Amino acid sequence: MSSTLEKLSAWYTSNCDGEWEHGSGVHIDTLDNPGWRIQVNLRGTPLEQRAFALVEDRYDHESEWLRCWIEGSTFHAACGPRRLEDALGIFLAWADAG
């Protein structure tokens, strides 16, 4: 069974075409509240037009919150400091569902 990072790497690699990766890709950064922020540019990928339902889990909790959404052609996730793998898992499950 592949790890979350192996699955994310495989998804990223499958979309690299010599151009997409130059202006697009996956960005993971930290938040100061604390937490994580993920942005995945979907432009030019099979996911660009796929519907995604907003995900909010324990959104009012001080550290265990998670929110995932699509805005334009970008998948966004923001989450508490221990929910990074959960957020990536939501993206990957959605990406694999097609």
PDB file of N, CA and C in Angstrom:
ATOM      1  N   MET A   1       0.842  -1.170   0.000  1.00  0.00           N
ATOM      2  CA  MET A   1       0.000   0.000   0.000  1.00  0.00           C
ATOM      3  C   MET A   1       0.897   1.247   0.000  1.00  0.00           C
ATOM      4  N   SER A   2       0.568   2.193  -0.828  1.00  0.00           N
ATOM      5  CA  SER A   2       1.352   3.418  -0.936  1.00  0.00           C
ATOM      6  C   SER A   2       1.021   4.379   0.190  1.00  0.00           C
ATOM      7  N   SER A   3       2.008   5.159   0.582  1.00  0.00           N
ATOM      8  CA  SER A   3       1.792   6.187   1.584  1.00  0.00           C
ATOM      9  C   SER A   3       1.108   7.392   0.933  1.00  0.00           C
ATOM     10  N   THR A   4       0.633   8.293   1.760  1.00  0.00           N
ATOM     11  CA  THR A   4      -0.007   9.501   1.259  1.00  0.00           C
ATOM     12  C   THR A   4       0.954  10.288   0.377  1.00  0.00           C
ATOM     13  N   LEU A   5       2.201  10.425   0.807  1.00  0.00           N
ATOM     14  CA  LEU A   5       3.174  11.171   0.000  1.00  0.00           C
ATOM     15  C   LEU A   5       3.494  10.468  -1.310  1.00  0.00           C
ATOM     16  N   GLU A   6       3.540   9.147  -1.298  1.00  0.00           N
ATOM     17  CA  GLU A   6       3.759   8.413  -2.545  1.00  0.00           C
ATOM     18  C   GLU A   6       2.585   8.623  -3.507  1.00  0.00           C
ATOM     19  N   LYS A   7       1.371   8.618  -2.984  1.00  0.00           N
ATOM     20  CA  LYS A   7       0.193   8.852  -3.826  1.00  0.00           C
ATOM     21  C   LYS A   7       0.179  10.268  -4.380  1.00  0.00           C
ATOM     22  N   LEU A   8       0.518  11.248  -3.541  1.00  0.00           N
ATOM     23  CA  LEU A   8       0.575  12.626  -4.001  1.00  0.00           C
ATOM     24  C   LEU A   8       1.658  12.788  -5.066  1.00  0.00           C
ATOM     25  N   SER A   9       2.803  12.176  -4.851  1.00  0.00           N
ATOM     26  CA  SER A   9       3.886  12.223  -5.835  1.00  0.00           C
ATOM     27  C   SER A   9       3.459  11.613  -7.160  1.00  0.00           C
ATOM     28  N   ALA A  10       2.738  10.511  -7.107  1.00  0.00           N
ATOM     29  CA  ALA A  10       2.264   9.853  -8.323  1.00  0.00           C
ATOM     30  C   ALA A  10       1.258  10.741  -9.054  1.00  0.00           C
ATOM     31  N   TRP A  11       0.335  11.385  -8.300  1.00  0.00           N
ATOM     32  CA  TRP A  11      -0.641  12.278  -8.934  1.00  0.00           C
ATOM     33  C   TRP A  11       0.085  13.443  -9.605  1.00  0.00           C
ATOM     34  N   TYR A  12       1.021  14.044  -8.886  1.00  0.00           N
ATOM     35  CA  TYR A  12       1.789  15.169  -9.428  1.00  0.00           C
ATOM     36  C   TYR A  12       2.519  14.745 -10.701  1.00  0.00           C
ATOM     37  N   THR A  13       3.238  13.635 -10.641  1.00  0.00           N
ATOM     38  CA  THR A  13       4.004  13.150 -11.789  1.00  0.00           C
ATOM     39  C   THR A  13       3.102  12.878 -12.984  1.00  0.00           C
ATOM     40  N   SER A  14       1.913  12.341 -12.727  1.00  0.00           N
ATOM     41  CA  SER A  14       1.002  12.016 -13.834  1.00  0.00           C
ATOM     42  C   SER A  14       0.505  13.266 -14.560  1.00  0.00           C
ATOM     43  N   ASN A  15       0.605  14.423 -13.930  1.00  0.00           N
ATOM     44  CA  ASN A  15       0.149  15.663 -14.562  1.00  0.00           C
ATOM     45  C   ASN A  15       1.289  16.499 -15.134  1.00  0.00           C
ATOM     46  N   CYS A  16       2.522  16.107 -14.860  1.00  0.00           N
ATOM     47  CA  CYS A  16       3.671  16.823 -15.427  1.00  0.00           C
ATOM     48  C   CYS A  16       3.765  16.513 -16.917  1.00  0.00           C
ATOM     49  N   ASP A  17       3.692  17.556 -17.724  1.00  0.00           N
ATOM     50  CA  ASP A  17       3.721  17.380 -19.176  1.00  0.00           C
ATOM     51  C   ASP A  17       4.748  18.291 -19.853  1.00  0.00           C
ATOM     52  N   GLY A  18       5.647  18.845 -19.077  1.00  0.00           N
ATOM     53  CA  GLY A  18       6.630  19.761 -19.631  1.00  0.00           C
ATOM     54  C   GLY A  18       6.212  21.214 -19.525  1.00  0.00           C
ATOM     55  N   GLU A  19       4.923  21.454 -19.243  1.00  0.00           N
ATOM     56  CA  GLU A  19       4.432  22.830 -19.100  1.00  0.00           C
ATOM     57  C   GLU A  19       3.664  23.042 -17.803  1.00  0.00           C
ATOM     58  N   TRP A  20       2.728  22.128 -17.487  1.00  0.00           N
ATOM     59  CA  TRP A  20       1.869  22.299 -16.316  1.00  0.00           C
ATOM     60  C   TRP A  20       2.683  22.569 -15.058  1.00  0.00           C
ATOM     61  N   GLU A  21       3.761  21.833 -14.860  1.00  0.00           N
ATOM     62  CA  GLU A  21       4.535  21.936 -13.624  1.00  0.00           C
ATOM     63  C   GLU A  21       5.289  23.264 -13.496  1.00  0.00           C
ATOM     64  N   HIS A  22       5.423  24.016 -14.581  1.00  0.00           N
ATOM     65  CA  HIS A  22       6.131  25.299 -14.511  1.00  0.00           C
ATOM     66  C   HIS A  22       5.292  26.400 -13.867  1.00  0.00           C
ATOM     67  N   GLY A  23       3.987  26.366 -14.059  1.00  0.00           N
ATOM     68  CA  GLY A  23       3.141  27.408 -13.489  1.00  0.00           C
ATOM     69  C   GLY A  23       2.097  26.869 -12.544  1.00  0.00           C
ATOM     70  N   SER A  24       2.111  25.593 -12.333  1.00  0.00           N
ATOM     71  CA  SER A  24       1.085  24.952 -11.517  1.00  0.00           C
ATOM     72  C   SER A  24       1.761  24.018 -10.523  1.00  0.00           C
ATOM     73  N   GLY A  25       0.967  23.173  -9.933  1.00  0.00           N
ATOM     74  CA  GLY A  25       1.537  22.186  -9.033  1.00  0.00           C
ATOM     75  C   GLY A  25       0.865  22.187  -7.685  1.00  0.00           C
ATOM     76  N   VAL A  26       1.591  21.697  -6.706  1.00  0.00           N
ATOM     77  CA  VAL A  26       1.099  21.523  -5.350  1.00  0.00           C
ATOM     78  C   VAL A  26       1.921  22.417  -4.430  1.00  0.00           C
ATOM     79  N   HIS A  27       1.237  23.197  -3.617  1.00  0.00           N
ATOM     80  CA  HIS A  27       1.905  24.067  -2.655  1.00  0.00           C
ATOM     81  C   HIS A  27       1.406  23.725  -1.258  1.00  0.00           C
ATOM     82  N   ILE A  28       2.334  23.451  -0.357  1.00  0.00           N
ATOM     83  CA  ILE A  28       2.013  23.172   1.037  1.00  0.00           C
ATOM     84  C   ILE A  28       2.788  24.175   1.877  1.00  0.00           C
ATOM     85  N   ASP A  29       2.059  24.869   2.735  1.00  0.00           N
ATOM     86  CA  ASP A  29       2.668  25.909   3.558  1.00  0.00           C
ATOM     87  C   ASP A  29       2.085  25.834   4.962  1.00  0.00           C
ATOM     88  N   THR A  30       2.698  26.523   5.879  1.00  0.00           N
ATOM     89  CA  THR A  30       2.181  26.562   7.242  1.00  0.00           C
ATOM     90  C   THR A  30       1.342  27.817   7.449  1.00  0.00           C
ATOM     91  N   LEU A  31       0.451  27.738   8.434  1.00  0.00           N
ATOM     92  CA  LEU A  31      -0.361  28.863   8.872  1.00  0.00           C
ATOM     93  C   LEU A  31       0.110  29.268  10.259  1.00  0.00           C
ATOM     94  N   ASP A  32      -0.161  30.480  10.631  1.00  0.00           N
ATOM     95  CA  ASP A  32       0.329  30.962  11.927  1.00  0.00           C
ATOM     96  C   ASP A  32      -0.640  30.761  13.077  1.00  0.00           C
ATOM     97  N   ASN A  33      -1.714  29.993  12.866  1.00  0.00           N
ATOM     98  CA  ASN A  33      -2.697  29.869  13.952  1.00  0.00           C
ATOM     99  C   ASN A  33      -2.641  28.578  14.774  1.00  0.00           C
ATOM    100  N   PRO A  34      -1.821  27.630  14.801  1.00  0.00           N
ATOM    101  CA  PRO A  34      -0.992  27.121  13.717  1.00  0.00           C
ATOM    102  C   PRO A  34      -1.788  26.153  12.855  1.00  0.00           C
ATOM    103  N   GLY A  35      -1.204  25.766  11.766  1.00  0.00           N
ATOM    104  CA  GLY A  35      -1.858  24.813  10.882  1.00  0.00           C
ATOM    105  C   GLY A  35      -1.154  24.738   9.544  1.00  0.00           C
ATOM    106  N   TRP A  36      -1.866  24.138   8.595  1.00  0.00           N
ATOM    107  CA  TRP A  36      -1.347  23.901   7.252  1.00  0.00           C
ATOM    108  C   TRP A  36      -2.291  24.485   6.214  1.00  0.00           C
ATOM    109  N   ARG A  37      -1.721  24.862   5.078  1.00  0.00           N
ATOM    110  CA  ARG A  37      -2.499  25.304   3.930  1.00  0.00           C
ATOM    111  C   ARG A  37      -1.967  24.561   2.707  1.00  0.00           C
ATOM    112  N   ILE A  38      -2.895  24.011   1.939  1.00  0.00           N
ATOM    113  CA  ILE A  38      -2.553  23.276   0.719  1.00  0.00           C
ATOM    114  C   ILE A  38      -3.273  23.945  -0.437  1.00  0.00           C
ATOM    115  N   GLN A  39      -2.570  24.123  -1.543  1.00  0.00           N
ATOM    116  CA  GLN A  39      -3.177  24.613  -2.774  1.00  0.00           C
ATOM    117  C   GLN A  39      -2.696  23.719  -3.908  1.00  0.00           C
ATOM    118  N   VAL A  40      -3.644  23.226  -4.700  1.00  0.00           N
ATOM    119  CA  VAL A  40      -3.313  22.398  -5.855  1.00  0.00           C
ATOM    120  C   VAL A  40      -3.968  23.038  -7.072  1.00  0.00           C
ATOM    121  N   ASN A  41      -3.148  23.493  -8.003  1.00  0.00           N
ATOM    122  CA  ASN A  41      -3.674  24.088  -9.224  1.00  0.00           C
ATOM    123  C   ASN A  41      -4.164  22.966 -10.129  1.00  0.00           C
ATOM    124  N   LEU A  42      -5.433  23.000 -10.453  1.00  0.00           N
ATOM    125  CA  LEU A  42      -6.061  21.937 -11.234  1.00  0.00           C
ATOM    126  C   LEU A  42      -6.145  22.264 -12.721  1.00  0.00           C
ATOM    127  N   ARG A  43      -5.766  23.480 -13.094  1.00  0.00           N
ATOM    128  CA  ARG A  43      -5.866  23.906 -14.494  1.00  0.00           C
ATOM    129  C   ARG A  43      -5.098  22.933 -15.386  1.00  0.00           C
ATOM    130  N   GLY A  44      -5.780  22.464 -16.410  1.00  0.00           N
ATOM    131  CA  GLY A  44      -5.160  21.543 -17.352  1.00  0.00           C
ATOM    132  C   GLY A  44      -5.103  20.096 -16.897  1.00  0.00           C
ATOM    133  N   THR A  45      -5.691  19.791 -15.742  1.00  0.00           N
ATOM    134  CA  THR A  45      -5.732  18.402 -15.261  1.00  0.00           C
ATOM    135  C   THR A  45      -7.141  17.856 -15.453  1.00  0.00           C
ATOM    136  N   PRO A  46      -7.310  16.540 -15.370  1.00  0.00           N
ATOM    137  CA  PRO A  46      -8.648  15.958 -15.469  1.00  0.00           C
ATOM    138  C   PRO A  46      -9.590  16.414 -14.341  1.00  0.00           C
ATOM    139  N   LEU A  47      -9.046  16.994 -13.279  1.00  0.00           N
ATOM    140  CA  LEU A  47      -9.871  17.417 -12.144  1.00  0.00           C
ATOM    141  C   LEU A  47     -10.422  18.835 -12.287  1.00  0.00           C
ATOM    142  N   GLU A  48      -9.979  19.566 -13.287  1.00  0.00           N
ATOM    143  CA  GLU A  48     -10.329  20.982 -13.398  1.00  0.00           C
ATOM    144  C   GLU A  48     -11.836  21.224 -13.401  1.00  0.00           C
ATOM    145  N   GLN A  49     -12.601  20.384 -14.034  1.00  0.00           N
ATOM    146  CA  GLN A  49     -14.052  20.579 -14.123  1.00  0.00           C
ATOM    147  C   GLN A  49     -14.846  19.658 -13.196  1.00  0.00           C
ATOM    148  N   ARG A  50     -14.179  18.847 -12.410  1.00  0.00           N
ATOM    149  CA  ARG A  50     -14.881  17.892 -11.542  1.00  0.00           C
ATOM    150  C   ARG A  50     -15.456  18.602 -10.319  1.00  0.00           C
ATOM    151  N   ALA A  51     -16.685  18.263  -9.992  1.00  0.00           N
ATOM    152  CA  ALA A  51     -17.349  18.851  -8.821  1.00  0.00           C
ATOM    153  C   ALA A  51     -16.689  18.360  -7.531  1.00  0.00           C
ATOM    154  N   PHE A  52     -16.664  19.235  -6.546  1.00  0.00           N
ATOM    155  CA  PHE A  52     -16.127  18.902  -5.231  1.00  0.00           C
ATOM    156  C   PHE A  52     -17.027  19.554  -4.192  1.00  0.00           C
ATOM    157  N   ALA A  53     -17.478  18.782  -3.242  1.00  0.00           N
ATOM    158  CA  ALA A  53     -18.330  19.311  -2.176  1.00  0.00           C
ATOM    159  C   ALA A  53     -17.450  19.785  -1.014  1.00  0.00           C
ATOM    160  N   LEU A  54     -17.737  20.951  -0.515  1.00  0.00           N
ATOM    161  CA  LEU A  54     -17.021  21.509   0.624  1.00  0.00           C
ATOM    162  C   LEU A  54     -16.934  20.476   1.749  1.00  0.00           C
ATOM    163  N   VAL A  55     -15.760  20.357   2.345  1.00  0.00           N
ATOM    164  CA  VAL A  55     -15.556  19.465   3.488  1.00  0.00           C
ATOM    165  C   VAL A  55     -15.142  20.321   4.672  1.00  0.00           C
ATOM    166  N   GLU A  56     -15.880  20.219   5.759  1.00  0.00           N
ATOM    167  CA  GLU A  56     -15.503  20.851   7.014  1.00  0.00           C
ATOM    168  C   GLU A  56     -15.633  19.809   8.115  1.00  0.00           C
ATOM    169  N   ASP A  57     -14.585  19.650   8.869  1.00  0.00           N
ATOM    170  CA  ASP A  57     -14.574  18.675   9.946  1.00  0.00           C
ATOM    171  C   ASP A  57     -14.021  19.341  11.199  1.00  0.00           C
ATOM    172  N   ARG A  58     -14.808  19.331  12.243  1.00  0.00           N
ATOM    173  CA  ARG A  58     -14.414  19.910  13.531  1.00  0.00           C
ATOM    174  C   ARG A  58     -13.901  21.339  13.350  1.00  0.00           C
ATOM    175  N   TYR A  59     -14.580  22.077  12.462  1.00  0.00           N
ATOM    176  CA  TYR A  59     -14.107  23.392  12.042  1.00  0.00           C
ATOM    177  C   TYR A  59     -14.005  24.394  13.196  1.00  0.00           C
ATOM    178  N   ASP A  60     -14.775  24.196  14.256  1.00  0.00           N
ATOM    179  CA  ASP A  60     -14.723  25.108  15.400  1.00  0.00           C
ATOM    180  C   ASP A  60     -13.706  24.692  16.461  1.00  0.00           C
ATOM    181  N   HIS A  61     -13.062  23.542  16.280  1.00  0.00           N
ATOM    182  CA  HIS A  61     -12.078  23.076  17.251  1.00  0.00           C
ATOM    183  C   HIS A  61     -10.795  23.899  17.128  1.00  0.00           C
ATOM    184  N   GLU A  62     -10.162  24.171  18.219  1.00  0.00           N
ATOM    185  CA  GLU A  62      -8.975  25.032  18.238  1.00  0.00           C
ATOM    186  C   GLU A  62      -7.805  24.485  17.417  1.00  0.00           C
ATOM    187  N   SER A  63      -7.604  23.161  17.432  1.00  0.00           N
ATOM    188  CA  SER A  63      -6.437  22.622  16.732  1.00  0.00           C
ATOM    189  C   SER A  63      -6.742  21.457  15.792  1.00  0.00           C
ATOM    190  N   GLU A  64      -7.924  20.878  15.872  1.00  0.00           N
ATOM    191  CA  GLU A  64      -8.244  19.696  15.066  1.00  0.00           C
ATOM    192  C   GLU A  64      -9.151  20.011  13.880  1.00  0.00           C
ATOM    193  N   TRP A  65      -9.230  21.260  13.490  1.00  0.00           N
ATOM    194  CA  TRP A  65     -10.118  21.708  12.417  1.00  0.00           C
ATOM    195  C   TRP A  65      -9.557  21.340  11.035  1.00  0.00           C
ATOM    196  N   LEU A  66     -10.481  21.287  10.075  1.00  0.00           N
ATOM    197  CA  LEU A  66     -10.101  20.966   8.698  1.00  0.00           C
ATOM    198  C   LEU A  66     -11.154  21.531   7.766  1.00  0.00           C
ATOM    199  N   ARG A  67     -10.724  22.113   6.680  1.00  0.00           N
ATOM    200  CA  ARG A  67     -11.648  22.631   5.658  1.00  0.00           C
ATOM    201  C   ARG A  67     -11.000  22.439   4.298  1.00  0.00           C
ATOM    202  N   CYS A  68     -11.764  21.876   3.340  1.00  0.00           N
ATOM    203  CA  CYS A  68     -11.302  21.675   1.967  1.00  0.00           C
ATOM    204  C   CYS A  68     -12.362  22.218   1.022  1.00  0.00           C
ATOM    205  N   TRP A  69     -11.930  22.914  -0.032  1.00  0.00           N
ATOM    206  CA  TRP A  69     -12.862  23.519  -0.976  1.00  0.00           C
ATOM    207  C   TRP A  69     -12.158  23.782  -2.302  1.00  0.00           C
ATOM    208  N   ILE A  70     -12.975  24.057  -3.317  1.00  0.00           N
ATOM    209  CA  ILE A  70     -12.468  24.446  -4.628  1.00  0.00           C
ATOM    210  C   ILE A  70     -12.829  25.906  -4.834  1.00  0.00           C
ATOM    211  N   GLU A  71     -11.865  26.662  -5.325  1.00  0.00           N
ATOM    212  CA  GLU A  71     -12.095  28.053  -5.699  1.00  0.00           C
ATOM    213  C   GLU A  71     -11.445  28.250  -7.061  1.00  0.00           C
ATOM    214  N   GLY A  72     -12.268  28.579  -8.051  1.00  0.00           N
ATOM    215  CA  GLY A  72     -11.735  28.677  -9.409  1.00  0.00           C
ATOM    216  C   GLY A  72     -11.220  27.329  -9.861  1.00  0.00           C
ATOM    217  N   SER A  73      -9.978  27.290 -10.269  1.00  0.00           N
ATOM    218  CA  SER A  73      -9.345  26.045 -10.707  1.00  0.00           C
ATOM    219  C   SER A  73      -8.324  25.555  -9.678  1.00  0.00           C
ATOM    220  N   THR A  74      -8.579  25.873  -8.408  1.00  0.00           N
ATOM    221  CA  THR A  74      -7.635  25.487  -7.362  1.00  0.00           C
ATOM    222  C   THR A  74      -8.337  24.750  -6.232  1.00  0.00           C
ATOM    223  N   PHE A  75      -7.774  23.606  -5.856  1.00  0.00           N
ATOM    224  CA  PHE A  75      -8.196  22.893  -4.662  1.00  0.00           C
ATOM    225  C   PHE A  75      -7.477  23.540  -3.493  1.00  0.00           C
ATOM    226  N   HIS A  76      -8.226  23.867  -2.443  1.00  0.00           N
ATOM    227  CA  HIS A  76      -7.657  24.459  -1.235  1.00  0.00           C
ATOM    228  C   HIS A  76      -7.970  23.559  -0.047  1.00  0.00           C
ATOM    229  N   ALA A  77      -7.037  23.487   0.863  1.00  0.00           N
ATOM    230  CA  ALA A  77      -7.272  22.843   2.152  1.00  0.00           C
ATOM    231  C   ALA A  77      -6.548  23.664   3.205  1.00  0.00           C
ATOM    232  N   ALA A  78      -7.184  23.801   4.338  1.00  0.00           N
ATOM    233  CA  ALA A  78      -6.570  24.433   5.500  1.00  0.00           C
ATOM    234  C   ALA A  78      -6.945  23.569   6.688  1.00  0.00           C
ATOM    235  N   CYS A  79      -5.996  23.384   7.592  1.00  0.00           N
ATOM    236  CA  CYS A  79      -6.271  22.461   8.688  1.00  0.00           C
ATOM    237  C   CYS A  79      -5.348  22.738   9.866  1.00  0.00           C
ATOM    238  N   GLY A  80      -5.711  22.138  10.978  1.00  0.00           N
ATOM    239  CA  GLY A  80      -4.900  22.225  12.178  1.00  0.00           C
ATOM    240  C   GLY A  80      -3.572  21.507  12.000  1.00  0.00           C
ATOM    241  N   PRO A  81      -2.663  21.688  12.935  1.00  0.00           N
ATOM    242  CA  PRO A  81      -1.296  21.196  12.771  1.00  0.00           C
ATOM    243  C   PRO A  81      -1.145  19.686  12.658  1.00  0.00           C
ATOM    244  N   ARG A  82      -2.109  18.918  13.138  1.00  0.00           N
ATOM    245  CA  ARG A  82      -2.011  17.451  13.067  1.00  0.00           C
ATOM    246  C   ARG A  82      -2.939  16.841  12.016  1.00  0.00           C
ATOM    247  N   ARG A  83      -3.485  17.665  11.116  1.00  0.00           N
ATOM    248  CA  ARG A  83      -4.459  17.168  10.131  1.00  0.00           C
ATOM    249  C   ARG A  83      -3.961  17.215   8.686  1.00  0.00           C
ATOM    250  N   LEU A  84      -2.667  17.443   8.484  1.00  0.00           N
ATOM    251  CA  LEU A  84      -2.134  17.537   7.124  1.00  0.00           C
ATOM    252  C   LEU A  84      -2.402  16.270   6.322  1.00  0.00           C
ATOM    253  N   GLU A  85      -2.140  15.122   6.896  1.00  0.00           N
ATOM    254  CA  GLU A  85      -2.368  13.875   6.161  1.00  0.00           C
ATOM    255  C   GLU A  85      -3.850  13.679   5.843  1.00  0.00           C
ATOM    256  N   ASP A  86      -4.725  14.074   6.759  1.00  0.00           N
ATOM    257  CA  ASP A  86      -6.168  13.996   6.493  1.00  0.00           C
ATOM    258  C   ASP A  86      -6.544  14.858   5.297  1.00  0.00           C
ATOM    259  N   ALA A  87      -6.028  16.088   5.261  1.00  0.00           N
ATOM    260  CA  ALA A  87      -6.354  17.007   4.161  1.00  0.00           C
ATOM    261  C   ALA A  87      -5.837  16.461   2.832  1.00  0.00           C
ATOM    262  N   LEU A  88      -4.615  15.963   2.819  1.00  0.00           N
ATOM    263  CA  LEU A  88      -4.079  15.374   1.595  1.00  0.00           C
ATOM    264  C   LEU A  88      -4.877  14.139   1.191  1.00  0.00           C
ATOM    265  N   GLY A  89      -5.311  13.363   2.176  1.00  0.00           N
ATOM    266  CA  GLY A  89      -6.127  12.180   1.891  1.00  0.00           C
ATOM    267  C   GLY A  89      -7.457  12.531   1.251  1.00  0.00           C
ATOM    268  N   ILE A  90      -8.058  13.632   1.673  1.00  0.00           N
ATOM    269  CA  ILE A  90      -9.314  14.073   1.061  1.00  0.00           C
ATOM    270  C   ILE A  90      -9.080  14.431  -0.395  1.00  0.00           C
ATOM    271  N   PHE A  91      -8.013  15.177  -0.664  1.00  0.00           N
ATOM    272  CA  PHE A  91      -7.699  15.511  -2.055  1.00  0.00           C
ATOM    273  C   PHE A  91      -7.476  14.251  -2.878  1.00  0.00           C
ATOM    274  N   LEU A  92      -6.665  13.343  -2.380  1.00  0.00           N
ATOM    275  CA  LEU A  92      -6.332  12.135  -3.144  1.00  0.00           C
ATOM    276  C   LEU A  92      -7.537  11.227  -3.360  1.00  0.00           C
ATOM    277  N   ALA A  93      -8.403  11.105  -2.367  1.00  0.00           N
ATOM    278  CA  ALA A  93      -9.616  10.292  -2.535  1.00  0.00           C
ATOM    279  C   ALA A  93     -10.501  10.890  -3.616  1.00  0.00           C
ATOM    280  N   TRP A  94     -10.635  12.206  -3.618  1.00  0.00           N
ATOM    281  CA  TRP A  94     -11.423  12.883  -4.654  1.00  0.00           C
ATOM    282  C   TRP A  94     -10.775  12.690  -6.030  1.00  0.00           C
ATOM    283  N   ALA A  95      -9.455  12.850  -6.093  1.00  0.00           N
ATOM    284  CA  ALA A  95      -8.746  12.695  -7.371  1.00  0.00           C
ATOM    285  C   ALA A  95      -8.872  11.282  -7.906  1.00  0.00           C
ATOM    286  N   ASP A  96      -8.875  10.286  -7.019  1.00  0.00           N
ATOM    287  CA  ASP A  96      -8.959   8.887  -7.443  1.00  0.00           C
ATOM    288  C   ASP A  96     -10.383   8.435  -7.748  1.00  0.00           C
ATOM    289  N   ALA A  97     -11.362   9.208  -7.330  1.00  0.00           N
ATOM    290  CA  ALA A  97     -12.756   8.801  -7.473  1.00  0.00           C
ATOM    291  C   ALA A  97     -13.263   8.869  -8.914  1.00  0.00           C
ATOM    292  N   GLY A  98     -12.547   9.531  -9.779  1.00  0.00           N
ATOM    293  CA  GLY A  98     -13.015   9.725 -11.144  1.00  0.00           C
ATOM    294  C   GLY A  98     -12.739   8.558 -11.993  1.00  0.00           C
TER     295      GLY A  98
END
